[in-house]
Amino acid sequence: MNIVTIYTDGAAKGNPGNGGYGVVLLAGKHIKKLAQGFQLTTNNRMELMAVIIGLEALKKRCEVTIYSDSKYVVDAVEKRWVFGWQKKGFKDKKNPDLWKRFLSVYKNHDVKFIWVKGHSGNKYNEICDQLAVKAAESKNLIIDNGYQP
């Protein structure tokens, strides 16, 4: 099985406001960077979107370690809260569209999460932050359909 490391970060200029995600995928000697900005969204949506995009970029089943500075995302998965939310139909939970999308791709891989402190000098977390902020500030912002009608 392929072993992949994914670093992710999300950003929002205002909350809600313009936002973006940044992703760095590492597999052997290969590195891939992904980013996109959105017109109106939240920081938590971008944190979760970064994880989703990273997992969706994988073409076959992988053993994946995801590094994120988002307690919202890491705790929801590692403490298994999201699976309880799923059983209750995400009643009264924010971002059900993204959580459903996450769960549909999460099951295709062997995934573990590691929380990293943001802005603490972690090389790839810093790159993800720069990608997310640049994407949020870009002119090519798209609509976050799950947030903005």
Protein backbone atom coordinates (compact mmCIF):
# COMPACT_ATOMS: atom_id res chain seq x y z
CA MET A 1 0.00 0.00 0.00
CA ASN A 2 1.23 3.48 -0.83
CA ILE A 3 2.20 5.67 2.11
CA VAL A 4 1.21 9.33 1.82
CA THR A 5 1.61 12.29 4.15
CA ILE A 6 -0.79 15.18 3.77
CA TYR A 7 -0.44 18.59 5.40
CA THR A 8 -3.49 20.85 5.35
CA ASP A 9 -4.55 24.33 6.38
CA GLY A 10 -7.49 26.64 5.90
CA ALA A 11 -7.83 30.40 6.13
CA ALA A 12 -10.60 32.96 6.13
CA LYS A 13 -10.34 36.73 5.87
CA GLY A 14 -13.19 37.46 8.21
CA ASN A 15 -15.27 34.61 9.54
CA PRO A 16 -17.26 34.43 7.35
CA GLY A 17 -15.33 36.07 4.56
CA ASN A 18 -13.07 35.22 1.67
CA GLY A 19 -11.34 31.94 2.42
CA GLY A 20 -8.96 29.38 1.03
CA TYR A 21 -7.30 26.07 1.64
CA GLY A 22 -3.77 24.83 1.16
CA VAL A 23 -2.65 21.22 0.86
CA VAL A 24 0.77 19.59 0.52
CA LEU A 25 0.88 15.90 -0.40
CA LEU A 26 4.12 13.97 0.11
CA ALA A 27 4.66 10.49 -1.34
CA GLY A 28 8.22 9.25 -1.56
CA LYS A 29 10.17 11.88 -3.52
CA HIS A 30 6.99 13.43 -4.90
CA ILE A 31 5.38 16.61 -3.62
CA LYS A 32 2.12 18.14 -4.80
CA LYS A 33 0.62 21.45 -3.69
CA LEU A 34 -3.08 22.29 -4.02
CA ALA A 35 -4.96 25.48 -3.17
CA GLN A 36 -8.23 27.24 -3.95
CA GLY A 37 -9.96 30.38 -2.74
CA PHE A 38 -13.65 30.97 -2.05
CA GLN A 39 -15.77 34.13 -2.04
CA LEU A 40 -17.63 33.60 1.22
CA THR A 41 -16.88 30.84 3.68
CA THR A 42 -15.57 30.11 7.18
CA ASN A 43 -12.21 29.05 8.56
CA ASN A 44 -13.57 25.68 9.74
CA ARG A 45 -15.03 24.95 6.30
CA MET A 46 -11.64 25.64 4.72
CA GLU A 47 -9.82 23.47 7.27
CA LEU A 48 -12.14 20.58 6.47
CA MET A 49 -12.10 21.28 2.73
CA ALA A 50 -8.30 21.05 2.73
CA VAL A 51 -8.48 17.54 4.20
CA ILE A 52 -11.14 16.48 1.70
CA ILE A 53 -9.21 17.80 -1.29
CA GLY A 54 -6.05 16.08 -0.09
CA LEU A 55 -7.82 12.73 0.21
CA GLU A 56 -9.68 13.17 -3.08
CA ALA A 57 -6.34 13.71 -4.85
CA LEU A 58 -5.32 10.11 -4.08
CA LYS A 59 -5.96 7.73 -6.96
CA LYS A 60 -5.77 4.43 -5.06
CA ARG A 61 -6.05 3.19 -1.49
CA CYS A 62 -3.28 4.59 0.67
CA GLU A 63 -2.02 4.63 4.21
CA VAL A 64 -2.38 8.33 5.00
CA THR A 65 -1.14 10.51 7.82
CA ILE A 66 -2.80 13.93 7.84
CA TYR A 67 -1.21 16.80 9.74
CA SER A 68 -3.61 19.63 10.54
CA ASP A 69 -3.60 22.56 12.94
CA SER A 70 -7.41 22.36 13.17
CA LYS A 71 -8.67 20.94 16.46
CA TYR A 72 -12.15 21.09 14.88
CA VAL A 73 -11.18 18.53 12.23
CA VAL A 74 -8.63 16.43 14.11
CA ASP A 75 -10.75 15.99 17.24
CA ALA A 76 -13.94 15.31 15.27
CA VAL A 77 -12.27 12.34 13.57
CA GLU A 78 -9.76 11.05 16.12
CA LYS A 79 -12.28 11.25 18.98
CA ARG A 80 -14.84 9.70 16.62
CA TRP A 81 -17.42 12.45 17.13
CA VAL A 82 -18.13 12.64 13.39
CA PHE A 83 -19.37 9.05 13.36
CA GLY A 84 -21.91 9.87 16.07
CA TRP A 85 -22.94 12.97 14.13
CA GLN A 86 -23.39 10.80 11.07
CA LYS A 87 -25.67 8.38 12.95
CA LYS A 88 -27.83 11.33 14.02
CA GLY A 89 -27.96 12.73 10.46
CA PHE A 90 -25.69 15.65 11.43
CA LYS A 91 -28.65 17.18 13.30
CA ASP A 92 -27.70 20.64 14.59
CA LYS A 93 -24.10 20.27 13.32
CA LYS A 94 -22.33 22.79 11.13
CA ASN A 95 -20.94 21.85 7.71
CA PRO A 96 -22.88 18.61 7.15
CA ASP A 97 -22.24 18.83 3.40
CA LEU A 98 -18.48 18.75 3.93
CA TRP A 99 -18.59 16.11 6.68
CA LYS A 100 -20.58 13.81 4.36
CA ARG A 101 -18.09 14.45 1.56
CA PHE A 102 -15.22 13.76 3.97
CA LEU A 103 -16.72 10.46 5.14
CA SER A 104 -17.26 9.28 1.56
CA VAL A 105 -13.54 9.66 0.77
CA TYR A 106 -12.17 8.83 4.24
CA LYS A 107 -13.45 5.26 4.00
CA ASN A 108 -11.29 4.68 0.90
CA HIS A 109 -8.03 5.00 2.84
CA ASP A 110 -6.34 4.05 6.10
CA VAL A 111 -6.18 7.49 7.70
CA LYS A 112 -4.76 8.85 10.90
CA PHE A 113 -4.63 12.46 12.00
CA ILE A 114 -1.94 14.32 13.88
CA TRP A 115 -2.59 17.77 15.27
CA VAL A 116 0.21 20.30 14.86
CA LYS A 117 0.33 23.72 16.44
CA GLY A 118 -0.17 26.39 13.80
CA HIS A 119 2.51 29.00 13.18
CA SER A 120 5.06 27.02 15.17
CA GLY A 121 7.69 26.54 12.47
CA ASN A 122 6.49 23.23 10.99
CA LYS A 123 7.78 23.55 7.42
CA TYR A 124 4.84 22.01 5.58
CA ASN A 125 2.19 23.51 7.84
CA GLU A 126 3.70 26.92 7.11
CA ILE A 127 3.61 26.20 3.36
CA CYS A 128 -0.05 25.18 3.64
CA ASP A 129 -0.82 28.38 5.55
CA GLN A 130 0.85 30.47 2.84
CA LEU A 131 -1.07 28.60 0.12
CA ALA A 132 -4.39 29.06 1.96
CA VAL A 133 -3.87 32.77 2.63
CA LYS A 134 -2.74 33.43 -0.94
CA ALA A 135 -5.76 31.53 -2.28
CA ALA A 136 -8.12 33.53 -0.02
CA GLU A 137 -6.59 36.77 -1.33
CA SER A 138 -6.62 35.76 -4.99
CA LYS A 139 -8.86 37.14 -7.71
CA ASN A 140 -9.97 33.63 -8.74
CA LEU A 141 -12.40 33.04 -5.89
CA ILE A 142 -15.17 30.51 -6.43
CA ILE A 143 -18.48 30.08 -4.62
CA ASP A 144 -18.62 27.76 -1.61
CA ASN A 145 -21.94 26.20 -2.63
CA GLY A 146 -22.46 24.53 0.74
CA TYR A 147 -22.19 27.84 2.56
CA GLN A 148 -23.26 30.50 0.10
CA PRO A 149 -26.45 29.90 -1.89
